[in-house]
C-alpha atoms as a PDB file:
ATOM      1  CA  UNK A   1      98.919 120.351 106.228  1.00  0.00           C
ATOM      2  CA  UNK A   2      96.464 117.469 106.090  1.00  0.00           C
ATOM      3  CA  UNK A   3      97.218 113.782 106.021  1.00  0.00           C
ATOM      4  CA  UNK A   4     100.044 112.817 103.710  1.00  0.00           C
ATOM      5  CA  UNK A   5      99.177 110.789 100.624  1.00  0.00           C
ATOM      6  CA  UNK A   6     100.481 107.180 100.748  1.00  0.00           C
ATOM      7  CA  UNK A   7     103.008 106.582  97.969  1.00  0.00           C
ATOM      8  CA  UNK A   8     103.947 103.120  96.633  1.00  0.00           C
ATOM      9  CA  UNK A   9     106.552 102.222  94.011  1.00  0.00           C
ATOM     10  CA  UNK A  10     106.276  99.044  91.945  1.00  0.00           C
ATOM     11  CA  UNK A  11     109.484  97.911  90.261  1.00  0.00           C
ATOM     12  CA  UNK A  12     110.858  94.866  88.527  1.00  0.00           C
ATOM     13  CA  UNK A  13     112.650  93.801  85.382  1.00  0.00           C
ATOM     14  CA  UNK A  14     111.029  93.765  81.950  1.00  0.00           C
ATOM     15  CA  UNK A  15     108.359  91.078  81.696  1.00  0.00           C
ATOM     16  CA  UNK A  16     108.246  90.244  85.408  1.00  0.00           C
ATOM     17  CA  UNK A  17     104.561  91.136  85.735  1.00  0.00           C
ATOM     18  CA  UNK A  18     104.400  94.742  86.966  1.00  0.00           C
ATOM     19  CA  UNK A  19     101.568  95.754  84.657  1.00  0.00           C
ATOM     20  CA  UNK A  20      99.680  92.552  85.455  1.00  0.00           C
ATOM     21  CA  UNK A  21      99.989  93.453  89.132  1.00  0.00           C
ATOM     22  CA  UNK A  22      98.754  96.993  88.484  1.00  0.00           C
ATOM     23  CA  UNK A  23      95.751  95.702  86.541  1.00  0.00           C
ATOM     24  CA  UNK A  24      94.963  93.309  89.390  1.00  0.00           C
ATOM     25  CA  UNK A  25      95.163  96.162  91.904  1.00  0.00           C
ATOM     26  CA  UNK A  26      92.921  98.407  89.809  1.00  0.00           C
ATOM     27  CA  UNK A  27      90.318  95.667  89.352  1.00  0.00           C
ATOM     28  CA  UNK A  28      90.219  94.973  93.088  1.00  0.00           C
ATOM     29  CA  UNK A  29      90.611  98.517  94.452  1.00  0.00           C
ATOM     30  CA  UNK A  30      87.349  98.002  96.398  1.00  0.00           C
ATOM     31  CA  UNK A  31      86.632 101.686  96.916  1.00  0.00           C
ATOM     32  CA  UNK A  32      90.249 102.779  97.267  1.00  0.00           C
ATOM     33  CA  UNK A  33      90.814 105.693  94.860  1.00  0.00           C
ATOM     34  CA  UNK A  34      94.251 105.235  93.321  1.00  0.00           C
ATOM     35  CA  UNK A  35      96.281 107.611  91.193  1.00  0.00           C
ATOM     36  CA  UNK A  36      98.461 105.254  89.141  1.00  0.00           C
ATOM     37  CA  UNK A  37     101.419 106.727  87.250  1.00  0.00           C
ATOM     38  CA  UNK A  38     102.670 104.486  84.448  1.00  0.00           C
ATOM     39  CA  UNK A  39     105.196 104.710  81.640  1.00  0.00           C
ATOM     40  CA  UNK A  40     102.966 103.392  78.857  1.00  0.00           C
ATOM     41  CA  UNK A  41      99.171 103.138  78.672  1.00  0.00           C
ATOM     42  CA  UNK A  42      99.428 100.578  75.886  1.00  0.00           C
ATOM     43  CA  UNK A  43     101.391  98.157  78.044  1.00  0.00           C
ATOM     44  CA  UNK A  44      98.931  98.517  80.935  1.00  0.00           C
ATOM     45  CA  UNK A  45      96.039  97.265  78.778  1.00  0.00           C
ATOM     46  CA  UNK A  46      93.290  98.389  81.156  1.00  0.00           C
ATOM     47  CA  UNK A  47      90.039  96.442  80.986  1.00  0.00           C
ATOM     48  CA  UNK A  48      87.719  98.344  78.618  1.00  0.00           C
ATOM     49  CA  UNK A  49      84.827  97.961  81.046  1.00  0.00           C
ATOM     50  CA  UNK A  50      86.750  99.936  83.684  1.00  0.00           C
ATOM     51  CA  UNK A  51      87.437 102.980  81.502  1.00  0.00           C
ATOM     52  CA  UNK A  52      85.141 105.949  82.141  1.00  0.00           C
ATOM     53  CA  UNK A  53      86.995 108.587  80.093  1.00  0.00           C
ATOM     54  CA  UNK A  54      90.293 108.953  78.219  1.00  0.00           C
ATOM     55  CA  UNK A  55      91.777 112.402  77.705  1.00  0.00           C
ATOM     56  CA  UNK A  56      95.382 112.965  76.640  1.00  0.00           C
ATOM     57  CA  UNK A  57      97.711 111.513  79.263  1.00  0.00           C
ATOM     58  CA  UNK A  58      94.926 110.579  81.688  1.00  0.00           C
ATOM     59  CA  UNK A  59      92.460 107.695  81.893  1.00  0.00           C
ATOM     60  CA  UNK A  60      89.616 107.967  84.417  1.00  0.00           C
ATOM     61  CA  UNK A  61      88.168 104.670  85.626  1.00  0.00           C
ATOM     62  CA  UNK A  62      84.646 103.894  86.733  1.00  0.00           C
ATOM     63  CA  UNK A  63      85.826 102.910  90.241  1.00  0.00           C
ATOM     64  CA  UNK A  64      87.294 106.353  91.010  1.00  0.00           C
ATOM     65  CA  UNK A  65      90.884 105.451  90.138  1.00  0.00           C
ATOM     66  CA  UNK A  66      92.900 107.445  87.606  1.00  0.00           C
ATOM     67  CA  UNK A  67      95.847 106.352  85.456  1.00  0.00           C
ATOM     68  CA  UNK A  68      98.324 108.973  84.254  1.00  0.00           C
ATOM     69  CA  UNK A  69     101.155 108.568  81.768  1.00  0.00           C
ATOM     70  CA  UNK A  70     104.385 109.812  83.362  1.00  0.00           C
ATOM     71  CA  UNK A  71     106.003 111.282  80.262  1.00  0.00           C
ATOM     72  CA  UNK A  72     109.449 112.820  80.669  1.00  0.00           C
ATOM     73  CA  UNK A  73     109.095 114.211  84.184  1.00  0.00           C
ATOM     74  CA  UNK A  74     107.878 112.131  87.128  1.00  0.00           C
ATOM     75  CA  UNK A  75     108.113 115.113  89.474  1.00  0.00           C
ATOM     76  CA  UNK A  76     105.628 117.076  87.366  1.00  0.00           C
ATOM     77  CA  UNK A  77     103.308 114.068  87.210  1.00  0.00           C
ATOM     78  CA  UNK A  78     103.361 113.837  91.017  1.00  0.00           C
ATOM     79  CA  UNK A  79     102.710 117.566  91.341  1.00  0.00           C
ATOM     80  CA  UNK A  80      99.677 117.122  89.108  1.00  0.00           C
ATOM     81  CA  UNK A  81      98.345 114.386  91.399  1.00  0.00           C
ATOM     82  CA  UNK A  82      98.996 116.399  94.567  1.00  0.00           C
ATOM     83  CA  UNK A  83      97.145 119.393  93.152  1.00  0.00           C
ATOM     84  CA  UNK A  84      93.999 117.253  93.206  1.00  0.00           C
ATOM     85  CA  UNK A  85      94.939 115.069  96.177  1.00  0.00           C
ATOM     86  CA  UNK A  86      91.439 115.203  97.667  1.00  0.00           C
ATOM     87  CA  UNK A  87      90.379 112.880  94.830  1.00  0.00           C
ATOM     88  CA  UNK A  88      92.743 110.086  95.870  1.00  0.00           C
ATOM     89  CA  UNK A  89      93.515 107.736  98.740  1.00  0.00           C
ATOM     90  CA  UNK A  90      96.975 106.730  97.466  1.00  0.00           C
ATOM     91  CA  UNK A  91      99.400 107.160  94.582  1.00  0.00           C
ATOM     92  CA  UNK A  92     101.198 104.253  92.885  1.00  0.00           C
ATOM     93  CA  UNK A  93     104.171 104.686  90.549  1.00  0.00           C
ATOM     94  CA  UNK A  94     105.333 102.037  88.103  1.00  0.00           C
ATOM     95  CA  UNK A  95     109.114 102.124  87.669  1.00  0.00           C
ATOM     96  CA  UNK A  96     110.467 101.276  84.231  1.00  0.00           C
ATOM     97  CA  UNK A  97     111.786  97.755  83.714  1.00  0.00           C
ATOM     98  CA  UNK A  98     115.443  98.763  83.962  1.00  0.00           C
ATOM     99  CA  UNK A  99     115.238 101.504  86.610  1.00  0.00           C
ATOM    100  CA  UNK A 100     115.989 101.444  90.328  1.00  0.00           C
ATOM    101  CA  UNK A 101     112.657 101.747  92.209  1.00  0.00           C
ATOM    102  CA  UNK A 102     114.414 103.039  95.314  1.00  0.00           C
ATOM    103  CA  UNK A 103     115.499 106.189  93.466  1.00  0.00           C
ATOM    104  CA  UNK A 104     111.846 106.870  92.700  1.00  0.00           C
ATOM    105  CA  UNK A 105     110.903 106.103  96.312  1.00  0.00           C
ATOM    106  CA  UNK A 106     113.257 108.864  97.455  1.00  0.00           C
ATOM    107  CA  UNK A 107     110.883 111.372  95.852  1.00  0.00           C
ATOM    108  CA  UNK A 108     108.240 110.152  98.270  1.00  0.00           C
ATOM    109  CA  UNK A 109     110.613 110.538 101.188  1.00  0.00           C
ATOM    110  CA  UNK A 110     111.577 114.068 100.154  1.00  0.00           C
ATOM    111  CA  UNK A 111     108.074 115.448  99.560  1.00  0.00           C
ATOM    112  CA  UNK A 112     106.265 116.416 102.794  1.00  0.00           C
ATOM    113  CA  UNK A 113     102.916 115.828 101.055  1.00  0.00           C
ATOM    114  CA  UNK A 114     103.739 112.145 100.435  1.00  0.00           C
ATOM    115  CA  UNK A 115     104.276 109.233 102.812  1.00  0.00           C
ATOM    116  CA  UNK A 116     106.222 106.296 101.397  1.00  0.00           C
ATOM    117  CA  UNK A 117     104.007 103.239 101.829  1.00  0.00           C
ATOM    118  CA  UNK A 118     106.416 100.702 100.387  1.00  0.00           C
ATOM    119  CA  UNK A 119     108.664  99.551  97.568  1.00  0.00           C
ATOM    120  CA  UNK A 120     107.326  96.428  95.845  1.00  0.00           C
ATOM    121  CA  UNK A 121     109.484  94.547  93.340  1.00  0.00           C
ATOM    122  CA  UNK A 122     108.175  91.819  91.035  1.00  0.00           C
ATOM    123  CA  UNK A 123     110.494  89.070  89.755  1.00  0.00           C
ATOM    124  CA  UNK A 124     109.863  86.341  87.189  1.00  0.00           C
ATOM    125  CA  UNK A 125     110.382  82.989  88.929  1.00  0.00           C
ATOM    126  CA  UNK A 126     111.163  81.124  85.715  1.00  0.00           C
ATOM    127  CA  UNK A 127     113.442  83.745  84.170  1.00  0.00           C
ATOM    128  CA  UNK A 128     115.312  85.113  87.196  1.00  0.00           C
ATOM    129  CA  UNK A 129     118.094  82.478  87.452  1.00  0.00           C
ATOM    130  CA  UNK A 130     119.123  83.065  83.847  1.00  0.00           C
ATOM    131  CA  UNK A 131     118.836  86.838  84.151  1.00  0.00           C
ATOM    132  CA  UNK A 132     120.852  86.918  87.368  1.00  0.00           C
ATOM    133  CA  UNK A 133     123.625  84.902  85.706  1.00  0.00           C
ATOM    134  CA  UNK A 134     123.882  87.400  82.834  1.00  0.00           C
ATOM    135  CA  UNK A 135     126.681  89.899  83.629  1.00  0.00           C
ATOM    136  CA  UNK A 136     124.832  92.580  81.654  1.00  0.00           C
ATOM    137  CA  UNK A 137     121.678  92.228  83.777  1.00  0.00           C
ATOM    138  CA  UNK A 138     122.873  91.096  87.199  1.00  0.00           C
ATOM    139  CA  UNK A 139     123.656  94.561  88.573  1.00  0.00           C
ATOM    140  CA  UNK A 140     120.281  95.963  87.492  1.00  0.00           C
ATOM    141  CA  UNK A 141     118.391  93.098  89.136  1.00  0.00           C
ATOM    142  CA  UNK A 142     120.372  93.408  92.353  1.00  0.00           C
ATOM    143  CA  UNK A 143     119.763  97.161  92.577  1.00  0.00           C
ATOM    144  CA  UNK A 144     116.048  96.671  91.981  1.00  0.00           C
ATOM    145  CA  UNK A 145     115.546  94.333  94.944  1.00  0.00           C
ATOM    146  CA  UNK A 146     118.165  95.769  97.316  1.00  0.00           C
ATOM    147  CA  UNK A 147     115.791  98.194  99.075  1.00  0.00           C
ATOM    148  CA  UNK A 148     112.513  96.382  98.454  1.00  0.00           C
ATOM    149  CA  UNK A 149     109.998  96.011 101.269  1.00  0.00           C
ATOM    150  CA  UNK A 150     108.230  93.179  99.449  1.00  0.00           C
ATOM    151  CA  UNK A 151     109.503  90.936  96.652  1.00  0.00           C
ATOM    152  CA  UNK A 152     106.706  89.261  94.699  1.00  0.00           C
ATOM    153  CA  UNK A 153     107.925  86.061  93.058  1.00  0.00           C
ATOM    154  CA  UNK A 154     105.568  85.870  90.090  1.00  0.00           C
ATOM    155  CA  UNK A 155     104.891  83.107  87.553  1.00  0.00           C
ATOM    156  CA  UNK A 156     105.656  80.363  90.064  1.00  0.00           C
ATOM    157  CA  UNK A 157     103.479  78.030  87.998  1.00  0.00           C
ATOM    158  CA  UNK A 158     106.165  78.162  85.283  1.00  0.00           C
ATOM    159  CA  UNK A 159     109.063  77.227  87.577  1.00  0.00           C
ATOM    160  CA  UNK A 160     109.912  73.844  89.071  1.00  0.00           C
ATOM    161  CA  UNK A 161     110.812  73.322  92.725  1.00  0.00           C
ATOM    162  CA  UNK A 162     114.559  73.466  92.121  1.00  0.00           C
ATOM    163  CA  UNK A 163     114.287  76.745  90.227  1.00  0.00           C
ATOM    164  CA  UNK A 164     112.132  78.253  92.977  1.00  0.00           C
ATOM    165  CA  UNK A 165     114.714  77.225  95.553  1.00  0.00           C
ATOM    166  CA  UNK A 166     117.401  79.054  93.566  1.00  0.00           C
ATOM    167  CA  UNK A 167     115.171  82.133  93.283  1.00  0.00           C
ATOM    168  CA  UNK A 168     114.510  82.156  97.026  1.00  0.00           C
ATOM    169  CA  UNK A 169     118.220  81.848  97.728  1.00  0.00           C
ATOM    170  CA  UNK A 170     119.040  84.728  95.389  1.00  0.00           C
ATOM    171  CA  UNK A 171     116.445  86.967  97.063  1.00  0.00           C
ATOM    172  CA  UNK A 172     117.712  86.043 100.527  1.00  0.00           C
ATOM    173  CA  UNK A 173     121.223  86.968  99.422  1.00  0.00           C
ATOM    174  CA  UNK A 174     120.436  90.293  97.740  1.00  0.00           C
ATOM    175  CA  UNK A 175     117.374  91.452  99.701  1.00  0.00           C
ATOM    176  CA  UNK A 176     117.737  89.854 103.148  1.00  0.00           C
ATOM    177  CA  UNK A 177     115.440  92.369 104.858  1.00  0.00           C
ATOM    178  CA  UNK A 178     112.595  92.087 102.343  1.00  0.00           C
ATOM    179  CA  UNK A 179     109.475  89.993 102.763  1.00  0.00           C
ATOM    180  CA  UNK A 180     108.782  87.463  99.995  1.00  0.00           C
ATOM    181  CA  UNK A 181     105.532  86.288  98.458  1.00  0.00           C
ATOM    182  CA  UNK A 182     105.162  83.495  95.846  1.00  0.00           C
ATOM    183  CA  UNK A 183     102.258  83.900  93.390  1.00  0.00           C
ATOM    184  CA  UNK A 184     101.217  83.325  89.814  1.00  0.00           C
ATOM    185  CA  UNK A 185      99.500  85.803  87.476  1.00  0.00           C
ATOM    186  CA  UNK A 186     100.409  88.493  90.057  1.00  0.00           C
ATOM    187  CA  UNK A 187      97.409  87.510  92.204  1.00  0.00           C
ATOM    188  CA  UNK A 188      98.335  89.238  95.434  1.00  0.00           C
ATOM    189  CA  UNK A 189      95.846  90.407  98.084  1.00  0.00           C
ATOM    190  CA  UNK A 190      95.402  94.165  97.759  1.00  0.00           C
ATOM    191  CA  UNK A 191      95.764  94.293 101.548  1.00  0.00           C
ATOM    192  CA  UNK A 192      99.374  93.196 101.094  1.00  0.00           C
ATOM    193  CA  UNK A 193     100.071  95.982  98.602  1.00  0.00           C
ATOM    194  CA  UNK A 194      98.603  98.905 100.511  1.00  0.00           C
ATOM    195  CA  UNK A 195      98.438  99.861 104.152  1.00  0.00           C
ATOM    196  CA  UNK A 196      95.311 101.915 103.446  1.00  0.00           C
ATOM    197  CA  UNK A 197      93.601  98.896 101.908  1.00  0.00           C
ATOM    198  CA  UNK A 198      94.573  96.750 104.888  1.00  0.00           C
ATOM    199  CA  UNK A 199      92.478  98.885 107.237  1.00  0.00           C
ATOM    200  CA  UNK A 200      89.653  99.365 104.733  1.00  0.00           C
ATOM    201  CA  UNK A 201      86.585  97.324 105.584  1.00  0.00           C
ATOM    202  CA  UNK A 202      87.951  95.872 108.829  1.00  0.00           C
ATOM    203  CA  UNK A 203      85.130  94.942 111.140  1.00  0.00           C
ATOM    204  CA  UNK A 204      85.281  95.939 114.767  1.00  0.00           C
ATOM    205  CA  UNK A 205      86.606  93.265 117.109  1.00  0.00           C
ATOM    206  CA  UNK A 206      86.973  93.353 120.867  1.00  0.00           C
ATOM    207  CA  UNK A 207      90.268  92.881 122.625  1.00  0.00           C
ATOM    208  CA  UNK A 208      91.082  89.219 123.037  1.00  0.00           C
ATOM    209  CA  UNK A 209      89.038  88.256 119.979  1.00  0.00           C
ATOM    210  CA  UNK A 210      91.841  89.045 117.546  1.00  0.00           C
ATOM    211  CA  UNK A 211      92.400  85.883 115.553  1.00  0.00           C
ATOM    212  CA  UNK A 212      93.898  84.877 112.230  1.00  0.00           C
ATOM    213  CA  UNK A 213      91.397  84.555 109.402  1.00  0.00           C
ATOM    214  CA  UNK A 214      92.074  82.864 106.054  1.00  0.00           C
ATOM    215  CA  UNK A 215      91.921  84.977 102.914  1.00  0.00           C
ATOM    216  CA  UNK A 216      92.737  84.926  99.202  1.00  0.00           C
ATOM    217  CA  UNK A 217      92.477  81.203  98.608  1.00  0.00           C
ATOM    218  CA  UNK A 218      93.881  80.426 102.057  1.00  0.00           C
ATOM    219  CA  UNK A 219      97.416  81.370 100.970  1.00  0.00           C
ATOM    220  CA  UNK A 220      97.315  84.354 103.344  1.00  0.00           C
ATOM    221  CA  UNK A 221      95.644  85.177 106.623  1.00  0.00           C
ATOM    222  CA  UNK A 222      94.885  88.346 108.552  1.00  0.00           C
ATOM    223  CA  UNK A 223      94.763  89.227 112.228  1.00  0.00           C
ATOM    224  CA  UNK A 224      93.039  92.244 113.732  1.00  0.00           C
ATOM    225  CA  UNK A 225      92.265  93.636 117.151  1.00  0.00           C
ATOM    226  CA  UNK A 226      90.775  96.678 118.814  1.00  0.00           C
ATOM    227  CA  UNK A 227      93.323  97.822 121.431  1.00  0.00           C
ATOM    228  CA  UNK A 228      92.131  98.242 125.023  1.00  0.00           C
ATOM    229  CA  UNK A 229      92.274 102.009 125.434  1.00  0.00           C
ATOM    230  CA  UNK A 230      95.325 104.189 124.889  1.00  0.00           C
ATOM    231  CA  UNK A 231      98.722 102.756 123.990  1.00  0.00           C
ATOM    232  CA  UNK A 232     102.228 103.957 124.811  1.00  0.00           C
ATOM    233  CA  UNK A 233     104.036 105.699 121.923  1.00  0.00           C
ATOM    234  CA  UNK A 234     107.394 104.575 123.303  1.00  0.00           C
ATOM    235  CA  UNK A 235     106.259 100.961 123.530  1.00  0.00           C
ATOM    236  CA  UNK A 236     104.801 101.098 120.016  1.00  0.00           C
ATOM    237  CA  UNK A 237     108.075 102.458 118.611  1.00  0.00           C
ATOM    238  CA  UNK A 238     109.958  99.596 120.249  1.00  0.00           C
ATOM    239  CA  UNK A 239     107.361  97.129 118.989  1.00  0.00           C
ATOM    240  CA  UNK A 240     107.768  98.265 115.377  1.00  0.00           C
ATOM    241  CA  UNK A 241     111.516  97.782 115.656  1.00  0.00           C
ATOM    242  CA  UNK A 242     111.036  94.224 116.958  1.00  0.00           C
ATOM    243  CA  UNK A 243     108.199  93.015 114.752  1.00  0.00           C
ATOM    244  CA  UNK A 244     107.968  89.207 114.996  1.00  0.00           C
ATOM    245  CA  UNK A 245     108.793  87.150 111.925  1.00  0.00           C
ATOM    246  CA  UNK A 246     105.827  86.217 109.774  1.00  0.00           C
ATOM    247  CA  UNK A 247     104.206  89.649 109.504  1.00  0.00           C
ATOM    248  CA  UNK A 248     104.220  90.826 105.885  1.00  0.00           C
ATOM    249  CA  UNK A 249     102.365  94.084 106.523  1.00  0.00           C
ATOM    250  CA  UNK A 250     100.720  95.758 109.494  1.00  0.00           C
ATOM    251  CA  UNK A 251      98.799  98.987 109.907  1.00  0.00           C
ATOM    252  CA  UNK A 252      96.813 100.566 112.673  1.00  0.00           C
ATOM    253  CA  UNK A 253      95.272 103.794 113.914  1.00  0.00           C
ATOM    254  CA  UNK A 254      95.335 103.948 117.707  1.00  0.00           C
ATOM    255  CA  UNK A 255      94.884 106.448 120.513  1.00  0.00           C
ATOM    256  CA  UNK A 256      98.161 107.353 122.229  1.00  0.00           C
ATOM    257  CA  UNK A 257      96.960 110.193 124.435  1.00  0.00           C
ATOM    258  CA  UNK A 258      93.982 112.364 125.305  1.00  0.00           C
ATOM    259  CA  UNK A 259      92.806 113.657 121.934  1.00  0.00           C
ATOM    260  CA  UNK A 260      95.949 112.303 120.288  1.00  0.00           C
ATOM    261  CA  UNK A 261      95.958 109.574 117.628  1.00  0.00           C
ATOM    262  CA  UNK A 262      98.846 107.805 115.924  1.00  0.00           C
ATOM    263  CA  UNK A 263      99.180 105.686 112.809  1.00  0.00           C
ATOM    264  CA  UNK A 264     101.557 102.743 113.008  1.00  0.00           C
ATOM    265  CA  UNK A 265     102.707 100.949 109.909  1.00  0.00           C
ATOM    266  CA  UNK A 266     105.056  98.076 109.163  1.00  0.00           C
ATOM    267  CA  UNK A 267     105.867  96.994 105.615  1.00  0.00           C
ATOM    268  CA  UNK A 268     108.498  94.496 104.637  1.00  0.00           C
ATOM    269  CA  UNK A 269     111.613  95.732 106.348  1.00  0.00           C
ATOM    270  CA  UNK A 270     110.736  98.663 108.591  1.00  0.00           C
ATOM    271  CA  UNK A 271     108.055 100.262 110.692  1.00  0.00           C
ATOM    272  CA  UNK A 272     107.108 103.813 111.605  1.00  0.00           C
ATOM    273  CA  UNK A 273     104.777 105.702 113.914  1.00  0.00           C
ATOM    274  CA  UNK A 274     103.390 109.137 113.062  1.00  0.00           C
ATOM    275  CA  UNK A 275     100.642 111.489 114.183  1.00  0.00           C
ATOM    276  CA  UNK A 276      97.210 110.909 112.683  1.00  0.00           C
ATOM    277  CA  UNK A 277      93.840 112.610 112.661  1.00  0.00           C
ATOM    278  CA  UNK A 278      91.092 111.301 114.897  1.00  0.00           C
ATOM    279  CA  UNK A 279      89.061 108.675 113.048  1.00  0.00           C
ATOM    280  CA  UNK A 280      85.783 109.790 111.524  1.00  0.00           C
ATOM    281  CA  UNK A 281      82.625 108.326 113.082  1.00  0.00           C
ATOM    282  CA  UNK A 282      81.712 105.020 111.487  1.00  0.00           C
ATOM    283  CA  UNK A 283      78.526 104.940 109.375  1.00  0.00           C
ATOM    284  CA  UNK A 284      77.471 101.644 110.926  1.00  0.00           C
ATOM    285  CA  UNK A 285      78.873  99.465 113.729  1.00  0.00           C
ATOM    286  CA  UNK A 286      79.442  96.575 111.334  1.00  0.00           C
ATOM    287  CA  UNK A 287      81.794  98.709 109.264  1.00  0.00           C
ATOM    288  CA  UNK A 288      83.710 100.406 112.072  1.00  0.00           C
ATOM    289  CA  UNK A 289      87.370 100.463 111.124  1.00  0.00           C
ATOM    290  CA  UNK A 290      89.228 102.164 113.964  1.00  0.00           C
ATOM    291  CA  UNK A 291      90.756 102.131 116.467  1.00  0.00           C
ATOM    292  CA  UNK A 292      92.191  98.924 115.105  1.00  0.00           C
ATOM    293  CA  UNK A 293      95.421  97.153 114.270  1.00  0.00           C
ATOM    294  CA  UNK A 294      95.479  94.780 111.313  1.00  0.00           C
ATOM    295  CA  UNK A 295      98.239  92.448 110.116  1.00  0.00           C
ATOM    296  CA  UNK A 296      98.604  90.130 107.129  1.00  0.00           C
ATOM    297  CA  UNK A 297     100.949  87.176 106.669  1.00  0.00           C
ATOM    298  CA  UNK A 298     101.275  83.825 104.980  1.00  0.00           C
ATOM    299  CA  UNK A 299      98.831  81.170 106.171  1.00  0.00           C
ATOM    300  CA  UNK A 300     100.188  79.325 109.181  1.00  0.00           C
ATOM    301  CA  UNK A 301     103.035  81.815 109.691  1.00  0.00           C
ATOM    302  CA  UNK A 302     101.234  84.804 111.206  1.00  0.00           C
ATOM    303  CA  UNK A 303     102.408  85.070 114.873  1.00  0.00           C
ATOM    304  CA  UNK A 304      99.023  85.750 116.464  1.00  0.00           C
ATOM    305  CA  UNK A 305     100.075  85.132 120.078  1.00  0.00           C
ATOM    306  CA  UNK A 306     103.144  87.352 119.725  1.00  0.00           C
ATOM    307  CA  UNK A 307     101.082  90.154 118.188  1.00  0.00           C
ATOM    308  CA  UNK A 308      98.511  90.016 120.978  1.00  0.00           C
ATOM    309  CA  UNK A 309     101.264  90.004 123.601  1.00  0.00           C
ATOM    310  CA  UNK A 310     102.954  93.040 122.051  1.00  0.00           C
ATOM    311  CA  UNK A 311      99.737  95.069 121.932  1.00  0.00           C
ATOM    312  CA  UNK A 312      98.918  94.067 125.503  1.00  0.00           C
ATOM    313  CA  UNK A 313     102.420  95.149 126.514  1.00  0.00           C
ATOM    314  CA  UNK A 314     101.977  98.574 124.902  1.00  0.00           C
ATOM    315  CA  UNK A 315      98.681  98.981 126.742  1.00  0.00           C
ATOM    316  CA  UNK A 316     100.281  97.884 129.997  1.00  0.00           C
ATOM    317  CA  UNK A 317     103.093 100.419 129.713  1.00  0.00           C
ATOM    318  CA  UNK A 318     100.580 103.180 129.083  1.00  0.00           C
ATOM    319  CA  UNK A 319      98.437 102.147 132.044  1.00  0.00           C
ATOM    320  CA  UNK A 320     101.462 101.946 134.339  1.00  0.00           C
ATOM    321  CA  UNK A 321     102.586 105.435 133.360  1.00  0.00           C
ATOM    322  CA  UNK A 322      99.156 107.072 133.650  1.00  0.00           C
ATOM    323  CA  UNK A 323      98.624 109.393 136.634  1.00  0.00           C
ATOM    324  CA  UNK A 324      96.381 108.016 139.361  1.00  0.00           C
END
C-alpha cells in the first residue's frame, strides 16, 4: 500500500465558524489538493470564482480541491474519496454542529488507507460561556473538545477580556491536553491546520540555521531545520513524547537508516513516527522541502533552543550507535 491519506476532522457547535474556517482553508490551499466532505453545500457558500464544475453531490474547484456532500453515509463518502486518492493530498471532514468529532476521527484510525492528521474544534468566544452554562448544551460542548488536538477560539473580536479569560479557563478544564489558538473570522495559518501544508514550500536550511520566522500577521512563527544526517528512531519517539511547550504543530521527513525514511508528526496533544517513502528529488534547490523538520507556534512562545537541542540529541544518539 502507498502512503496513507492524511485525514482531518473539523468540529464545533452550531455557528462557531467551521464553514468559515473551511472556506479560508480552501482559498489558501496553495497547491494542496483537498477532498472536503461537508454536510451542506449551501452553508459552505464557496466563492463563485473558485468553482470549476458542480455535478450532483460534488463541486470541483479551480485549485484542484473537491467538495463532496456527505449525505447519509460518511463511510461511503470516504470510500468514494479513497477510490480516487491519487487526486488528493488530504481529506477534511466537517462534523455536524451537534456531533462528536472524535467519533468521526475513529474512522480515520480504523481505515489503513487513512492517517489521522488531527481533530480541530472551533468555539465561539462570545457565545461559549452562555452555551456552556446551558444544561441542554453543556455535555455536547464538552464532548466536542474533549479529544481535540487544537481548539480554535474564534470571534475573539466580539468578546471582551473577561469573557476570553472565562473561555480559556473552560478549555483548560475540559480539554487540558489540547493546544489553543485565538483568532477572529477563522483566520488561521493553513500550516497550523495541516501537517502536509506545514512541509509544503519549506526552503532548505542548513543545520544550525534553524530560526523562528514571523508569519500570518506576526501572530505565529515557524521554525525549520535540515537535520545533520540520520536520526535515531528511538530518540525521535522519546522526543515526540516530550515535546516542549509552545509547539502547536510539527512535521518532518527524516532519514533514520540506510535507505529508510520516517515521518514524524506532532499535533496538539500527541506525536507519532511512521515509515515514509524516500523524498522525491526537488525541482529546484530553492524549493527543496526534505529532509526537514518544521514547527509552528505562537509568536514569542516557540521553543527554538529546545527544538534544536532535541534534534541534535537524536542525531547524537544515532552517531553514537553507528558501527565504526
